[in-house]
Amino acid sequence: MESLLIVGTLVKLLLIPAYRSTDFEVHRNWLAITHSLPISQWYTEHTSEWTLDYPPLFAWFEKLLSMFAILADPAMLVVENLNYASPQTIFFQRATVIVSELILYWALKRYVKYFGSKYVHWILAGALFLHPGILIVDHMHFQYNGFLYGILVLSIVEAKRNNLLESGILFAILLNFKHIYLYMAPAYFVYLLQAYCFVPVESNREGPNGQRKFSVGRLITLGSAVVGVFTISMGPFIYMGQLPNLVGRLFPFTRGLCHAYWAPNFWALYAALDRILIFAAKALGWPLNEAALGSMTRGYVGDTQFAVLPPVQAIHTMLITVIVQLIVLQVLWRKPTFDNFLSSLTLCTFASYLFGWHVHEKAIMLVLVPLGLMAANSKTHLRIFIILSSTGIFSLFPLLFEPTETPIKVSVTLLWLITVVPGLARCLARPLKSILTYAEMYYIIGIIGVQIYTDIGHNLIFGSKTLQFLPLMLTSVYCAVGIIYGWGLFMREFLAGRM
């Protein structure tokens, strides 16, 4: 594992000069806010448009980093220094992402130890630590996700060890770092309730299928632990009357259904169908929503509007998501095993990604991380992992839109795929060609064609000023087809009891 850490760190150091998005300025601003202002102003300060909108533990994490940032360049901690990016600032912020990922490294070491120190688990640990999605999102685009994945893996490892209280506490901590992990909360709730709060009767200790009784004491213990984490995190803000501001920052429902680049989910296909129907409607004289015709981003700000198809509200997405999650959770409730928990956790996250409101493309990593821990369980797991990894990583490519970054993202992805996938196939003692169907292989190969079109072909055919939305729409729709297909496979196998 030490060689993995060395190689990973060297690769990430080489990416320090790479492209960085506005998220770099977001986190610089959060460093400045948490360093310069009292905590009563953390969730009200708005000098920059990039206001603090993560839960309190992440704010305290930024506060901790700011104590070291002042040694690198004090100017980065001035709230009014908008878009400040000195060489020292760039190096410091990049380095903190790398250092914080030591938590992921430690978590993966525990994963290898407790899941069995077999060659296959070493491959999976390496696959996650050097995952192209993490390299693209954290070390180029710029975010702090790696250490959060580490906390998630630690929680999963504790669940595997049957330390369910510790697993629940770690997940509560994770929620107070980044609230997007609410996607996983239903699976945690059902599993901890069934596997921890229900205990076998003394005469029958056959496990989850045996006779069990509800333990009020365990429920109180678990509830107290979770409430304790939230109290430590949010208590000071509640005391100062900042809870409304905090909630308003964490859940800005004024945003639209889709982001500027449609996350490749169900709503991407819905939005694409609406665009196609616009042409048919004009030809056939159907009524159109004129306000929607001028919307090119469809959800960058405000409400997403559709010209032909019925409008979609936040409540609609919530209902669909909950229904799909309930289908999964009823299996976990009836059979609360660890394998069902990990599958349910992945599928609940998947449901939120596919049907949720204002989903970002980066959220696919929340599916790929727990799925990656299961990739070598069976041929079916590996099949789904290959399809979703290939498609999910490619769906992140638009985050790096500068031509100079194309060789990096393509080469990193190809190197990862040709190293990890054949290695896992060998561990399962199966030839790689037996894992996927021909249609699935052709679909994955088709990603190359889409990439060539978006990088070169579109401008050659239409020029840079015509149909500007088409390359992103094509990427989103193509990836949505593969991701929804992979989800369908996963759901079918899970509900049939084969996962």
Protein backbone atom coordinates (compact mmCIF):
# COMPACT_ATOMS: atom_id res chain seq x y z
CA MET A 1 0.00 0.00 0.00
CA GLU A 2 2.92 2.37 0.62
CA SER A 3 3.90 2.19 -3.06
CA LEU A 4 0.32 3.11 -3.95
CA LEU A 5 0.56 6.19 -1.72
CA ILE A 6 3.86 7.24 -3.30
CA VAL A 7 2.64 6.80 -6.88
CA GLY A 8 -0.67 8.51 -6.14
CA THR A 9 1.00 11.48 -4.47
CA LEU A 10 3.46 11.94 -7.34
CA VAL A 11 0.65 11.89 -9.91
CA LYS A 12 -1.34 14.44 -7.91
CA LEU A 13 1.67 16.71 -7.46
CA LEU A 14 2.12 16.75 -11.23
CA LEU A 15 -1.44 18.07 -11.56
CA ILE A 16 -0.85 21.15 -9.39
CA PRO A 17 -0.37 23.47 -12.43
CA ALA A 18 -3.42 22.00 -14.21
CA TYR A 19 -6.68 23.77 -14.98
CA ARG A 20 -8.76 24.81 -11.97
CA SER A 21 -12.41 25.82 -11.97
CA THR A 22 -14.26 28.51 -10.04
CA ASP A 23 -14.47 25.98 -7.20
CA PHE A 24 -10.87 26.97 -6.44
CA GLU A 25 -12.06 30.51 -5.69
CA VAL A 26 -15.03 29.08 -3.78
CA HIS A 27 -12.74 27.35 -1.32
CA ARG A 28 -10.32 30.29 -1.11
CA ASN A 29 -13.28 32.46 -0.16
CA TRP A 30 -14.38 29.95 2.47
CA LEU A 31 -10.87 30.00 3.92
CA ALA A 32 -11.12 33.78 4.16
CA ILE A 33 -14.62 33.75 5.69
CA THR A 34 -13.84 31.20 8.39
CA HIS A 35 -10.49 32.85 9.22
CA SER A 36 -11.55 36.50 9.22
CA LEU A 37 -15.11 36.52 10.52
CA PRO A 38 -16.85 35.33 13.70
CA ILE A 39 -18.87 32.16 13.29
CA SER A 40 -22.09 34.17 13.60
CA GLN A 41 -21.32 35.62 10.13
CA TRP A 42 -20.14 32.48 8.34
CA TYR A 43 -23.55 31.75 6.83
CA THR A 44 -24.56 35.38 6.21
CA GLU A 45 -21.43 36.84 4.56
CA HIS A 46 -21.97 37.49 0.84
CA THR A 47 -19.17 39.72 -0.45
CA SER A 48 -18.48 36.98 -2.99
CA GLU A 49 -21.18 35.17 -4.92
CA TRP A 50 -19.53 31.93 -3.71
CA THR A 51 -21.08 31.94 -0.27
CA LEU A 52 -20.48 29.21 2.30
CA ASP A 53 -23.05 26.49 1.60
CA TYR A 54 -21.59 23.35 3.20
CA PRO A 55 -22.48 22.04 6.69
CA PRO A 56 -20.63 23.29 9.79
CA LEU A 57 -18.01 20.54 10.06
CA PHE A 58 -16.73 21.46 6.61
CA ALA A 59 -16.65 25.10 7.68
CA TRP A 60 -14.52 24.11 10.66
CA PHE A 61 -12.32 22.10 8.30
CA GLU A 62 -11.76 25.29 6.29
CA LYS A 63 -11.04 27.13 9.54
CA LEU A 64 -8.38 24.55 10.37
CA LEU A 65 -6.78 24.92 6.94
CA SER A 66 -6.78 28.70 7.29
CA MET A 67 -4.50 28.43 10.32
CA PHE A 68 -1.83 27.06 7.99
CA ALA A 69 -2.82 29.19 5.00
CA ILE A 70 -1.70 32.34 6.77
CA LEU A 71 1.84 30.96 6.71
CA ALA A 72 1.69 30.46 2.93
CA ASP A 73 0.10 33.76 1.89
CA PRO A 74 -1.95 35.92 4.29
CA ALA A 75 -3.55 37.76 1.36
CA MET A 76 -5.60 34.70 0.43
CA LEU A 77 -7.45 35.11 3.74
CA VAL A 78 -8.79 38.58 2.95
CA VAL A 79 -12.50 38.31 2.17
CA GLU A 80 -12.36 41.22 -0.29
CA ASN A 81 -9.55 39.64 -2.34
CA LEU A 82 -11.90 38.09 -4.87
CA ASN A 83 -10.37 35.70 -7.43
CA TYR A 84 -7.03 35.85 -5.65
CA ALA A 85 -4.69 33.12 -6.88
CA SER A 86 -1.03 33.70 -6.13
CA PRO A 87 1.41 30.82 -6.79
CA GLN A 88 1.61 30.24 -3.03
CA THR A 89 -2.18 30.11 -2.80
CA ILE A 90 -2.44 27.64 -5.65
CA PHE A 91 0.21 25.36 -4.19
CA PHE A 92 -1.28 25.54 -0.70
CA GLN A 93 -4.82 24.70 -1.75
CA ARG A 94 -3.72 21.92 -4.09
CA ALA A 95 -1.47 20.49 -1.37
CA THR A 96 -4.29 20.47 1.19
CA VAL A 97 -6.40 18.32 -1.14
CA ILE A 98 -3.53 15.84 -1.43
CA VAL A 99 -2.83 15.76 2.31
CA SER A 100 -6.50 15.44 3.25
CA GLU A 101 -6.73 12.33 1.04
CA LEU A 102 -4.53 10.50 3.53
CA ILE A 103 -7.85 9.73 5.23
CA LEU A 104 -8.96 7.88 2.09
CA TYR A 105 -5.64 6.03 2.00
CA TRP A 106 -6.02 4.98 5.65
CA ALA A 107 -9.62 3.91 5.04
CA LEU A 108 -8.59 1.78 2.07
CA LYS A 109 -5.86 0.13 4.16
CA ARG A 110 -8.53 -0.86 6.67
CA TYR A 111 -10.72 -2.05 3.81
CA VAL A 112 -7.95 -4.35 2.56
CA LYS A 113 -7.33 -5.59 6.11
CA TYR A 114 -10.91 -6.41 7.06
CA PHE A 115 -12.31 -7.45 3.68
CA GLY A 116 -9.45 -9.92 3.33
CA SER A 117 -5.91 -9.08 2.25
CA LYS A 118 -6.31 -10.72 -1.12
CA TYR A 119 -4.86 -9.50 -4.37
CA VAL A 120 -8.29 -8.48 -5.62
CA HIS A 121 -8.84 -6.11 -2.70
CA TRP A 122 -5.48 -4.50 -3.32
CA ILE A 123 -6.58 -3.83 -6.90
CA LEU A 124 -9.86 -2.33 -5.75
CA ALA A 125 -8.12 -0.14 -3.18
CA GLY A 126 -5.70 1.10 -5.82
CA ALA A 127 -8.54 1.62 -8.27
CA LEU A 128 -10.30 3.95 -5.84
CA PHE A 129 -7.22 5.83 -4.64
CA LEU A 130 -6.15 6.55 -8.23
CA HIS A 131 -9.66 6.83 -9.65
CA PRO A 132 -9.79 9.17 -12.68
CA GLY A 133 -12.98 10.69 -11.29
CA ILE A 134 -11.16 11.80 -8.14
CA LEU A 135 -8.21 13.09 -10.17
CA ILE A 136 -10.53 15.06 -12.47
CA VAL A 137 -12.87 16.47 -9.83
CA ASP A 138 -10.50 17.05 -6.90
CA HIS A 139 -7.03 17.52 -8.34
CA MET A 140 -7.89 19.42 -11.52
CA HIS A 141 -11.40 20.90 -11.34
CA PHE A 142 -10.75 21.37 -7.58
CA GLN A 143 -12.80 20.07 -4.69
CA TYR A 144 -12.28 18.22 -1.42
CA ASN A 145 -14.04 14.90 -1.95
CA GLY A 146 -11.28 12.36 -1.36
CA PHE A 147 -11.22 12.59 2.43
CA LEU A 148 -15.03 12.43 2.48
CA TYR A 149 -14.91 9.21 0.48
CA GLY A 150 -12.45 8.06 3.12
CA ILE A 151 -14.96 8.67 5.92
CA LEU A 152 -17.58 6.80 3.88
CA VAL A 153 -15.27 3.81 3.38
CA LEU A 154 -14.43 3.81 7.11
CA SER A 155 -18.14 3.72 7.90
CA ILE A 156 -18.68 0.84 5.46
CA VAL A 157 -15.72 -1.07 6.93
CA GLU A 158 -17.15 -0.70 10.45
CA ALA A 159 -20.49 -1.99 9.17
CA LYS A 160 -18.67 -4.98 7.68
CA ARG A 161 -17.05 -5.61 11.09
CA ASN A 162 -20.51 -5.39 12.68
CA ASN A 163 -19.52 -2.27 14.62
CA LEU A 164 -22.81 -0.69 13.65
CA LEU A 165 -22.84 2.10 16.24
CA GLU A 166 -19.43 3.29 15.07
CA SER A 167 -20.60 3.04 11.46
CA GLY A 168 -23.62 5.22 12.23
CA ILE A 169 -21.52 7.82 14.04
CA LEU A 170 -19.09 8.03 11.13
CA PHE A 171 -21.98 8.52 8.71
CA ALA A 172 -23.45 11.27 10.91
CA ILE A 173 -20.06 12.98 10.86
CA LEU A 174 -19.99 12.62 7.07
CA LEU A 175 -23.42 14.26 6.75
CA ASN A 176 -22.15 17.23 8.74
CA PHE A 177 -19.25 17.62 6.33
CA LYS A 178 -21.31 17.45 3.12
CA HIS A 179 -25.08 17.12 3.02
CA ILE A 180 -25.17 15.47 -0.41
CA TYR A 181 -24.59 12.23 1.50
CA LEU A 182 -28.26 12.45 2.45
CA TYR A 183 -28.63 10.40 -0.74
CA MET A 184 -27.40 7.44 1.31
CA ALA A 185 -29.29 8.17 4.52
CA PRO A 186 -32.35 5.95 3.84
CA ALA A 187 -30.15 2.86 3.47
CA TYR A 188 -28.26 3.67 6.67
CA PHE A 189 -31.52 4.30 8.55
CA VAL A 190 -33.11 1.00 7.55
CA TYR A 191 -29.96 -1.07 8.05
CA LEU A 192 -29.07 0.38 11.46
CA LEU A 193 -32.67 0.10 12.61
CA GLN A 194 -32.95 -3.54 11.57
CA ALA A 195 -29.42 -4.81 12.20
CA TYR A 196 -28.58 -2.78 15.32
CA CYS A 197 -31.88 -1.95 17.05
CA PHE A 198 -33.39 -5.41 16.57
CA VAL A 199 -31.47 -8.08 18.50
CA PRO A 200 -31.77 -11.89 18.40
CA VAL A 201 -33.74 -13.47 21.23
CA GLU A 202 -31.62 -15.58 23.56
CA SER A 203 -32.98 -18.87 22.23
CA ASN A 204 -32.37 -18.01 18.57
CA ARG A 205 -29.14 -16.44 17.34
CA GLU A 206 -29.35 -17.41 13.70
CA GLY A 207 -28.70 -13.90 12.43
CA PRO A 208 -30.89 -11.58 10.39
CA ASN A 209 -33.44 -14.25 9.43
CA GLY A 210 -33.90 -15.57 12.95
CA GLN A 211 -36.41 -14.43 15.57
CA ARG A 212 -35.52 -11.00 16.92
CA LYS A 213 -36.91 -8.35 19.24
CA PHE A 214 -36.71 -4.58 19.23
CA SER A 215 -34.25 -3.03 21.70
CA VAL A 216 -35.35 0.38 22.99
CA GLY A 217 -31.99 0.75 24.71
CA ARG A 218 -30.09 0.33 21.46
CA LEU A 219 -32.38 2.81 19.71
CA ILE A 220 -31.70 5.36 22.45
CA THR A 221 -27.96 4.70 22.23
CA LEU A 222 -27.89 5.08 18.46
CA GLY A 223 -30.18 8.11 18.49
CA SER A 224 -28.17 9.81 21.21
CA ALA A 225 -24.92 9.26 19.32
CA VAL A 226 -26.31 10.69 16.08
CA VAL A 227 -28.01 13.62 17.83
CA GLY A 228 -24.77 14.26 19.69
CA VAL A 229 -22.85 14.62 16.43
CA PHE A 230 -25.44 17.05 15.04
CA THR A 231 -25.49 19.00 18.32
CA ILE A 232 -21.73 19.47 18.31
CA SER A 233 -21.83 20.50 14.65
CA MET A 234 -24.88 22.75 14.55
CA GLY A 235 -25.39 23.65 18.21
CA PRO A 236 -23.40 26.91 18.13
CA PHE A 237 -25.29 28.13 15.07
CA ILE A 238 -28.65 27.22 16.59
CA TYR A 239 -27.66 29.07 19.79
CA MET A 240 -26.83 32.20 17.79
CA GLY A 241 -30.08 32.06 15.84
CA GLN A 242 -28.33 31.19 12.58
CA LEU A 243 -30.26 28.00 11.81
CA PRO A 244 -32.56 29.64 9.18
CA ASN A 245 -29.53 31.06 7.36
CA LEU A 246 -27.73 27.73 7.58
CA VAL A 247 -30.69 25.78 6.20
CA GLY A 248 -31.23 28.35 3.45
CA ARG A 249 -27.62 27.97 2.33
CA LEU A 250 -27.67 24.17 2.41
CA PHE A 251 -30.96 23.74 0.54
CA PRO A 252 -31.35 26.48 -2.12
CA PHE A 253 -34.51 25.20 -3.83
CA THR A 254 -34.63 28.23 -6.14
CA ARG A 255 -32.17 26.43 -8.41
CA GLY A 256 -33.54 24.68 -11.45
CA LEU A 257 -34.05 21.02 -12.26
CA CYS A 258 -30.92 20.72 -14.41
CA HIS A 259 -27.52 22.33 -14.16
CA ALA A 260 -25.93 24.16 -17.09
CA TYR A 261 -24.36 20.86 -18.16
CA TRP A 262 -27.12 18.33 -17.67
CA ALA A 263 -26.03 15.58 -15.32
CA PRO A 264 -26.48 12.37 -17.37
CA ASN A 265 -29.59 11.13 -15.62
CA PHE A 266 -33.28 10.65 -16.38
CA TRP A 267 -33.90 14.38 -16.60
CA ALA A 268 -31.16 14.78 -19.21
CA LEU A 269 -33.13 12.44 -21.47
CA TYR A 270 -36.33 14.31 -20.59
CA ALA A 271 -34.75 17.66 -21.45
CA ALA A 272 -33.23 16.28 -24.66
CA LEU A 273 -36.60 14.88 -25.73
CA ASP A 274 -38.10 18.31 -25.13
CA ARG A 275 -35.53 19.87 -27.45
CA ILE A 276 -36.27 17.30 -30.15
CA LEU A 277 -40.00 17.86 -29.78
CA ILE A 278 -39.51 21.59 -30.33
CA PHE A 279 -38.65 20.91 -33.97
CA ALA A 280 -41.67 18.62 -34.36
CA ALA A 281 -43.93 21.14 -32.65
CA LYS A 282 -42.85 23.93 -34.97
CA ALA A 283 -43.45 21.74 -38.01
CA LEU A 284 -46.85 20.55 -36.80
CA GLY A 285 -48.01 23.82 -35.30
CA TRP A 286 -48.22 22.57 -31.72
CA PRO A 287 -48.37 25.15 -28.91
CA LEU A 288 -44.99 25.96 -27.35
CA ASN A 289 -43.87 27.54 -24.10
CA GLU A 290 -42.21 30.61 -25.58
CA ALA A 291 -40.35 31.43 -22.36
CA ALA A 292 -38.59 28.08 -22.52
CA LEU A 293 -37.35 28.62 -26.08
CA GLY A 294 -34.87 31.25 -24.94
CA SER A 295 -33.41 29.07 -22.23
CA MET A 296 -30.13 27.55 -23.42
CA THR A 297 -28.78 26.25 -20.14
CA ARG A 298 -32.10 24.94 -18.84
CA GLY A 299 -31.44 25.28 -15.14
CA TYR A 300 -28.25 27.25 -14.60
CA VAL A 301 -30.31 29.63 -12.49
CA GLY A 302 -33.99 29.78 -11.66
CA ASP A 303 -36.60 27.26 -12.71
CA THR A 304 -36.00 24.87 -15.56
CA GLN A 305 -38.64 25.29 -18.24
CA PHE A 306 -39.72 22.94 -21.01
CA ALA A 307 -41.21 24.05 -24.30
CA VAL A 308 -43.33 20.97 -25.04
CA LEU A 309 -43.20 18.45 -22.19
CA PRO A 310 -44.98 19.05 -18.87
CA PRO A 311 -43.06 21.09 -16.28
CA VAL A 312 -41.23 19.28 -13.49
CA GLN A 313 -41.28 20.55 -9.91
CA ALA A 314 -39.07 19.63 -6.97
CA ILE A 315 -41.90 17.66 -5.36
CA HIS A 316 -42.17 15.47 -8.47
CA THR A 317 -38.49 14.54 -8.36
CA MET A 318 -38.73 13.86 -4.63
CA LEU A 319 -41.70 11.53 -5.04
CA ILE A 320 -40.06 9.54 -7.84
CA THR A 321 -36.82 9.26 -5.87
CA VAL A 322 -38.59 8.09 -2.71
CA ILE A 323 -40.65 5.50 -4.59
CA VAL A 324 -37.56 4.01 -6.26
CA GLN A 325 -35.69 3.99 -2.95
CA LEU A 326 -38.59 2.27 -1.18
CA ILE A 327 -38.48 -0.54 -3.74
CA VAL A 328 -34.86 -1.12 -2.75
CA LEU A 329 -35.31 -0.60 0.97
CA GLN A 330 -38.04 -3.21 1.33
CA VAL A 331 -35.45 -5.83 0.34
CA LEU A 332 -33.00 -4.50 2.92
CA TRP A 333 -35.72 -4.42 5.58
CA ARG A 334 -36.62 -8.06 4.98
CA LYS A 335 -33.01 -9.23 4.80
CA PRO A 336 -30.63 -6.79 6.54
CA THR A 337 -27.32 -8.39 5.58
CA PHE A 338 -24.14 -6.41 4.95
CA ASP A 339 -24.16 -7.26 1.23
CA ASN A 340 -27.75 -6.03 0.91
CA PHE A 341 -26.81 -2.90 2.86
CA LEU A 342 -23.95 -2.04 0.52
CA SER A 343 -26.09 -2.69 -2.55
CA SER A 344 -28.99 -0.68 -1.09
CA LEU A 345 -26.69 2.18 -0.17
CA THR A 346 -25.45 2.29 -3.76
CA LEU A 347 -28.93 2.01 -5.26
CA CYS A 348 -30.45 4.67 -2.97
CA THR A 349 -27.66 7.02 -4.02
CA PHE A 350 -28.27 6.01 -7.62
CA ALA A 351 -31.99 6.85 -7.32
CA SER A 352 -31.16 10.33 -6.03
CA TYR A 353 -28.68 10.82 -8.85
CA LEU A 354 -31.07 9.67 -11.57
CA PHE A 355 -34.26 11.35 -10.40
CA GLY A 356 -33.19 14.10 -7.97
CA TRP A 357 -33.49 17.87 -8.24
CA HIS A 358 -30.55 19.94 -9.57
CA VAL A 359 -28.11 17.04 -9.58
CA HIS A 360 -24.49 17.77 -10.50
CA GLU A 361 -22.57 15.43 -12.78
CA LYS A 362 -19.91 15.03 -10.07
CA ALA A 363 -22.41 13.15 -7.90
CA ILE A 364 -21.86 9.99 -9.99
CA MET A 365 -18.78 9.41 -7.83
CA LEU A 366 -21.08 8.76 -4.87
CA VAL A 367 -22.32 5.75 -6.81
CA LEU A 368 -18.96 4.60 -8.12
CA VAL A 369 -17.15 4.55 -4.76
CA PRO A 370 -19.37 1.99 -2.94
CA LEU A 371 -19.91 0.12 -6.21
CA GLY A 372 -16.14 -0.16 -6.56
CA LEU A 373 -15.92 -1.98 -3.24
CA MET A 374 -18.21 -4.68 -4.68
CA ALA A 375 -16.70 -4.88 -8.17
CA ALA A 376 -14.98 -8.23 -7.63
CA ASN A 377 -17.89 -9.96 -5.88
CA SER A 378 -19.12 -11.61 -9.07
CA LYS A 379 -19.18 -11.40 -12.85
CA THR A 380 -22.37 -9.34 -12.65
CA HIS A 381 -20.84 -6.86 -10.23
CA LEU A 382 -17.82 -6.43 -12.49
CA ARG A 383 -20.03 -6.05 -15.56
CA ILE A 384 -22.00 -3.24 -13.93
CA PHE A 385 -18.81 -1.67 -12.58
CA ILE A 386 -17.19 -1.57 -16.04
CA ILE A 387 -20.25 -0.02 -17.69
CA LEU A 388 -20.81 2.60 -15.00
CA SER A 389 -17.13 3.43 -14.50
CA SER A 390 -16.53 3.96 -18.22
CA THR A 391 -19.65 6.06 -18.63
CA GLY A 392 -19.38 7.87 -15.31
CA ILE A 393 -15.78 8.96 -15.85
CA PHE A 394 -16.54 10.13 -19.38
CA SER A 395 -19.48 12.15 -18.06
CA LEU A 396 -16.96 14.17 -16.02
CA PHE A 397 -14.88 15.15 -19.05
CA PRO A 398 -16.83 18.40 -19.72
CA LEU A 399 -15.56 19.69 -16.37
CA LEU A 400 -12.18 20.03 -18.11
CA PHE A 401 -13.12 21.87 -21.27
CA GLU A 402 -9.76 23.36 -22.24
CA PRO A 403 -7.98 21.54 -25.11
CA THR A 404 -4.74 21.38 -23.12
CA GLU A 405 -6.42 19.15 -20.54
CA THR A 406 -7.80 16.63 -23.05
CA PRO A 407 -4.63 14.48 -23.29
CA ILE A 408 -4.46 14.29 -19.50
CA LYS A 409 -8.05 13.22 -18.85
CA VAL A 410 -8.06 10.76 -21.75
CA SER A 411 -4.70 9.15 -20.94
CA VAL A 412 -5.44 8.88 -17.20
CA THR A 413 -8.79 7.23 -17.90
CA LEU A 414 -7.43 4.78 -20.48
CA LEU A 415 -4.48 3.83 -18.27
CA TRP A 416 -6.83 3.22 -15.34
CA LEU A 417 -9.25 1.12 -17.40
CA ILE A 418 -6.61 -1.09 -19.03
CA THR A 419 -4.96 -1.66 -15.65
CA VAL A 420 -7.93 -2.18 -13.34
CA VAL A 421 -10.52 -3.96 -15.50
CA PRO A 422 -8.33 -6.81 -16.85
CA GLY A 423 -6.86 -7.28 -13.37
CA LEU A 424 -10.30 -7.74 -11.85
CA ALA A 425 -11.34 -10.10 -14.65
CA ARG A 426 -8.27 -12.25 -13.93
CA CYS A 427 -9.17 -12.34 -10.24
CA LEU A 428 -12.57 -13.74 -11.19
CA ALA A 429 -10.84 -16.25 -13.50
CA ARG A 430 -12.84 -15.02 -16.48
CA PRO A 431 -11.67 -13.66 -19.83
CA LEU A 432 -12.56 -10.00 -20.21
CA LYS A 433 -14.60 -10.60 -23.35
CA SER A 434 -16.94 -12.88 -21.37
CA ILE A 435 -17.89 -10.10 -18.94
CA LEU A 436 -19.67 -7.75 -21.34
CA THR A 437 -22.10 -8.38 -24.17
CA TYR A 438 -21.14 -7.21 -27.66
CA ALA A 439 -23.68 -4.39 -27.44
CA GLU A 440 -22.15 -3.19 -24.17
CA MET A 441 -18.63 -3.31 -25.61
CA TYR A 442 -19.70 -1.36 -28.69
CA TYR A 443 -21.42 1.21 -26.49
CA ILE A 444 -18.25 1.76 -24.45
CA ILE A 445 -16.15 1.99 -27.62
CA GLY A 446 -18.68 4.53 -28.88
CA ILE A 447 -17.52 6.89 -26.15
CA ILE A 448 -14.40 7.47 -28.25
CA GLY A 449 -16.54 8.64 -31.16
CA VAL A 450 -18.51 11.03 -28.96
CA GLN A 451 -15.27 12.46 -27.57
CA ILE A 452 -13.85 13.01 -31.06
CA TYR A 453 -17.06 14.74 -32.16
CA THR A 454 -17.21 17.05 -29.14
CA ASP A 455 -13.52 17.97 -29.38
CA ILE A 456 -13.10 18.26 -33.15
CA GLY A 457 -16.06 17.16 -35.23
CA HIS A 458 -18.66 19.71 -34.13
CA ASN A 459 -16.57 22.73 -35.02
CA LEU A 460 -15.59 21.18 -38.35
CA ILE A 461 -19.22 20.50 -39.27
CA PHE A 462 -21.11 23.43 -37.75
CA GLY A 463 -18.47 25.92 -36.64
CA SER A 464 -18.06 27.28 -33.13
CA LYS A 465 -21.12 29.59 -33.20
CA THR A 466 -23.83 27.17 -34.35
CA LEU A 467 -25.68 24.70 -32.11
CA GLN A 468 -23.31 25.46 -29.26
CA PHE A 469 -25.34 23.32 -26.86
CA LEU A 470 -25.07 20.18 -29.01
CA PRO A 471 -21.68 18.77 -27.86
CA LEU A 472 -22.63 18.96 -24.19
CA MET A 473 -26.12 17.63 -24.88
CA LEU A 474 -24.70 14.72 -26.87
CA THR A 475 -22.27 13.85 -24.06
CA SER A 476 -24.99 14.09 -21.44
CA VAL A 477 -27.52 12.02 -23.38
CA TYR A 478 -25.00 9.35 -24.45
CA CYS A 479 -23.78 8.94 -20.88
CA ALA A 480 -27.34 8.98 -19.52
CA VAL A 481 -28.21 5.98 -21.70
CA GLY A 482 -25.29 3.96 -20.30
CA ILE A 483 -25.82 5.05 -16.71
CA ILE A 484 -29.54 4.28 -16.75
CA TYR A 485 -28.81 0.93 -18.42
CA GLY A 486 -26.29 0.09 -15.69
CA TRP A 487 -28.79 1.10 -13.02
CA GLY A 488 -31.42 -1.13 -14.64
CA LEU A 489 -29.06 -4.10 -14.58
CA PHE A 490 -28.20 -3.46 -10.95
CA MET A 491 -31.86 -3.12 -9.94
CA ARG A 492 -32.87 -6.28 -11.80
CA GLU A 493 -30.14 -8.40 -10.24
CA PHE A 494 -30.64 -6.96 -6.75
CA LEU A 495 -34.40 -7.47 -6.72
CA ALA A 496 -33.89 -11.01 -8.01
CA GLY A 497 -31.59 -11.72 -5.06
CA ARG A 498 -28.48 -12.23 -7.19
CA MET A 499 -26.43 -9.33 -5.78
